[in-house]
Amino acid sequence: MSEGNELVRLIRPRALPATKMIVEANEAECAALAKRFGVTAIHSLGAEVDFVNRDEAVLVDGILTATIEQPCAVTRESLTYEVTEPFSLRFVPAGQTPEYEEDEEFELTEEELDEVEYEGDSFDLGEAIAQTLGLAIDPYREGPDADAVRKETGIQSDEASQPSGPLAEALAALKKG
């Protein structure tokens, strides 16, 4: 369940904290997560979390904060930035979520979107926080000098480039006609 995870914080649904829980990653955990997510460094990672028991599920609402260092996608110069990411998760015992056929179409309710199954008598809040952080990291983040380097080297951004080729010409002709 939690073997090999860099940030392990096991929570027992039968003994939820009565007040807001503060999760702080230590230096080794931050270094391991930086390696996992392919960034230069994670200087800090924390989360404030509230818990609510509802039926057999545990609803978790929190705010993740982190300081990330990674290279600029254009200049490759190091840049450091802050991440603040709210999250809501629903932890349910294994077997509580409906089974679907491989190709079956179905709609998820808002509560089911971030539903996490767990086995045993605890779930790993740390891994859920780590995954939330992984989704919040922008792999194409640009630093303040990115536009100047693009201009200097003649690289156009995706927004500035004009479509070209036979399909673009056909579309332009349709728009005129």
Protein backbone atom coordinates (compact mmCIF):
# COMPACT_ATOMS: atom_id res chain seq x y z
CA MET A 1 0.00 0.00 0.00
CA SER A 2 2.58 2.60 1.02
CA GLU A 3 5.79 0.76 0.19
CA GLY A 4 8.17 2.93 -1.80
CA ASN A 5 6.16 6.12 -1.38
CA GLU A 6 8.25 9.16 -0.60
CA LEU A 7 5.73 10.86 1.70
CA VAL A 8 3.90 8.39 3.92
CA ARG A 9 1.24 9.68 6.33
CA LEU A 10 -1.09 6.87 7.34
CA ILE A 11 -4.51 7.90 8.59
CA ARG A 12 -6.94 5.59 10.39
CA PRO A 13 -10.56 6.45 9.56
CA ARG A 14 -11.67 5.27 13.01
CA ALA A 15 -9.30 7.73 14.70
CA LEU A 16 -9.43 10.89 12.58
CA PRO A 17 -7.79 14.02 13.95
CA ALA A 18 -10.36 16.25 15.66
CA THR A 19 -8.73 19.44 14.38
CA LYS A 20 -7.01 20.56 11.21
CA MET A 21 -3.96 18.38 10.50
CA ILE A 22 -0.70 19.95 9.34
CA VAL A 23 1.51 17.80 7.09
CA GLU A 24 5.11 18.95 6.55
CA ALA A 25 7.56 17.05 4.34
CA ASN A 26 11.10 16.82 5.67
CA GLU A 27 14.24 17.45 3.60
CA ALA A 28 14.68 13.80 2.56
CA GLU A 29 11.03 13.49 1.53
CA CYS A 30 11.25 16.70 -0.51
CA ALA A 31 14.43 15.46 -2.25
CA ALA A 32 12.82 12.11 -3.08
CA LEU A 33 9.69 13.82 -4.46
CA ALA A 34 11.82 16.19 -6.56
CA LYS A 35 13.52 13.17 -8.11
CA ARG A 36 10.16 11.45 -8.70
CA PHE A 37 8.66 14.51 -10.42
CA GLY A 38 11.78 15.47 -12.38
CA VAL A 39 12.31 18.92 -10.90
CA THR A 40 15.54 20.40 -9.57
CA ALA A 41 14.29 20.69 -5.99
CA ILE A 42 11.26 20.92 -3.76
CA HIS A 43 12.35 23.37 -1.08
CA SER A 44 9.19 22.98 1.01
CA LEU A 45 5.97 21.01 0.94
CA GLY A 46 3.12 21.26 3.38
CA ALA A 47 -0.61 20.82 3.58
CA GLU A 48 -3.41 21.79 5.94
CA VAL A 49 -6.10 19.12 5.97
CA ASP A 50 -9.61 18.76 7.44
CA PHE A 51 -11.39 15.41 7.73
CA VAL A 52 -15.08 14.51 7.75
CA ASN A 53 -16.48 11.01 8.18
CA ARG A 54 -19.45 10.37 5.89
CA ASP A 55 -20.94 6.88 5.89
CA GLU A 56 -17.94 4.63 5.30
CA ALA A 57 -15.99 7.31 3.42
CA VAL A 58 -13.56 9.92 4.70
CA LEU A 59 -13.80 13.30 3.00
CA VAL A 60 -10.54 15.23 2.99
CA ASP A 61 -10.34 18.94 2.16
CA GLY A 62 -7.01 20.67 2.19
CA ILE A 63 -4.62 23.21 0.78
CA LEU A 64 -1.20 22.17 -0.44
CA THR A 65 1.65 24.68 -0.49
CA ALA A 66 5.09 24.07 -1.96
CA THR A 67 8.18 25.85 -3.21
CA ILE A 68 9.44 24.28 -6.46
CA GLU A 69 12.70 24.82 -8.33
CA GLN A 70 13.02 23.68 -11.93
CA PRO A 71 14.60 24.82 -15.21
CA CYS A 72 12.74 27.25 -17.45
CA ALA A 73 11.26 25.41 -20.44
CA VAL A 74 12.86 27.91 -22.84
CA THR A 75 16.10 29.18 -21.30
CA ARG A 76 16.87 26.21 -19.02
CA GLU A 77 17.79 28.75 -16.31
CA SER A 78 16.72 27.77 -12.82
CA LEU A 79 13.48 29.29 -11.54
CA THR A 80 11.78 28.97 -8.19
CA TYR A 81 8.06 29.46 -7.65
CA GLU A 82 5.31 28.88 -5.12
CA VAL A 83 2.42 26.46 -5.60
CA THR A 84 -0.85 26.73 -3.68
CA GLU A 85 -3.32 24.03 -4.62
CA PRO A 86 -6.65 23.27 -2.92
CA PHE A 87 -7.72 19.64 -3.02
CA SER A 88 -10.71 17.50 -2.05
CA LEU A 89 -10.50 13.74 -1.89
CA ARG A 90 -12.83 10.96 -0.84
CA PHE A 91 -11.18 7.88 0.67
CA VAL A 92 -13.33 4.74 0.53
CA PRO A 93 -12.68 1.16 1.61
CA ALA A 94 -11.74 -1.19 -1.24
CA GLY A 95 -14.74 -2.67 -2.98
CA GLN A 96 -16.98 0.36 -2.31
CA THR A 97 -16.60 1.80 -5.81
CA PRO A 98 -18.77 0.35 -8.60
CA GLU A 99 -17.24 -2.05 -11.10
CA TYR A 100 -17.44 -1.08 -14.78
CA GLU A 101 -16.82 -3.06 -17.93
CA GLU A 102 -13.66 -2.09 -19.81
CA ASP A 103 -15.43 -0.25 -22.68
CA GLU A 104 -18.57 0.74 -20.77
CA GLU A 105 -19.49 4.42 -20.76
CA PHE A 106 -20.47 5.97 -17.45
CA GLU A 107 -20.67 9.37 -15.78
CA LEU A 108 -18.86 10.22 -12.59
CA THR A 109 -20.50 12.35 -9.95
CA GLU A 110 -18.52 15.22 -8.46
CA GLU A 111 -17.76 13.11 -5.36
CA GLU A 112 -16.45 10.21 -7.47
CA LEU A 113 -13.96 12.33 -9.40
CA ASP A 114 -11.32 12.24 -6.68
CA GLU A 115 -12.20 8.98 -5.00
CA VAL A 116 -9.33 6.90 -3.61
CA GLU A 117 -9.77 3.30 -2.52
CA TYR A 118 -7.75 1.92 0.36
CA GLU A 119 -7.27 -1.50 1.90
CA GLY A 120 -6.87 -2.36 5.55
CA ASP A 121 -7.49 -0.03 8.44
CA SER A 122 -5.70 3.08 7.11
CA PHE A 123 -5.10 5.15 4.01
CA ASP A 124 -1.98 7.03 2.92
CA LEU A 125 -2.73 10.75 2.97
CA GLY A 126 0.93 11.49 2.17
CA GLU A 127 0.76 9.73 -1.19
CA ALA A 128 -2.44 11.60 -2.03
CA ILE A 129 -0.68 14.89 -1.22
CA ALA A 130 2.32 13.83 -3.33
CA GLN A 131 0.06 13.03 -6.30
CA THR A 132 -1.71 16.38 -5.90
CA LEU A 133 1.69 18.09 -6.00
CA GLY A 134 2.67 16.12 -9.12
CA LEU A 135 -0.43 17.40 -10.90
CA ALA A 136 0.27 20.99 -9.80
CA ILE A 137 3.82 21.09 -11.21
CA ASP A 138 3.94 22.77 -14.63
CA PRO A 139 6.56 20.90 -16.70
CA TYR A 140 6.63 23.75 -19.24
CA ARG A 141 6.94 26.62 -16.78
CA GLU A 142 8.71 29.64 -18.21
CA GLY A 143 10.92 32.15 -16.46
CA PRO A 144 10.94 35.93 -16.88
CA ASP A 145 13.53 35.86 -19.71
CA ALA A 146 11.70 33.33 -21.90
CA ASP A 147 10.13 35.88 -24.27
CA ALA A 148 13.43 37.74 -24.75
CA VAL A 149 15.27 34.50 -25.57
CA ARG A 150 12.52 33.48 -28.03
CA LYS A 151 12.78 36.86 -29.77
CA GLU A 152 16.60 36.74 -29.81
CA THR A 153 16.71 33.23 -31.29
CA GLY A 154 13.74 33.64 -33.63
CA ILE A 155 11.57 31.07 -31.90
CA GLN A 156 7.84 31.79 -32.11
CA SER A 157 5.50 30.81 -29.33
CA ASP A 158 2.60 28.53 -30.20
CA GLU A 159 0.22 31.46 -29.76
CA ALA A 160 2.17 33.66 -32.21
CA SER A 161 2.71 31.09 -34.96
CA GLN A 162 0.29 31.01 -37.87
CA PRO A 163 -0.99 27.69 -39.21
CA SER A 164 0.47 26.72 -42.58
CA GLY A 165 0.16 23.93 -45.11
CA PRO A 166 -2.61 22.64 -47.36
CA LEU A 167 -5.19 22.20 -44.59
CA ALA A 168 -4.57 25.72 -43.27
CA GLU A 169 -4.93 27.10 -46.81
CA ALA A 170 -8.19 25.18 -47.32
CA LEU A 171 -9.54 26.49 -44.00
CA ALA A 172 -8.57 30.06 -44.93
CA ALA A 173 -10.36 29.67 -48.29
CA LEU A 174 -13.50 28.40 -46.55
CA LYS A 175 -13.47 31.35 -44.14
CA LYS A 176 -13.23 33.82 -47.06
CA GLY A 177 -16.05 32.18 -49.00
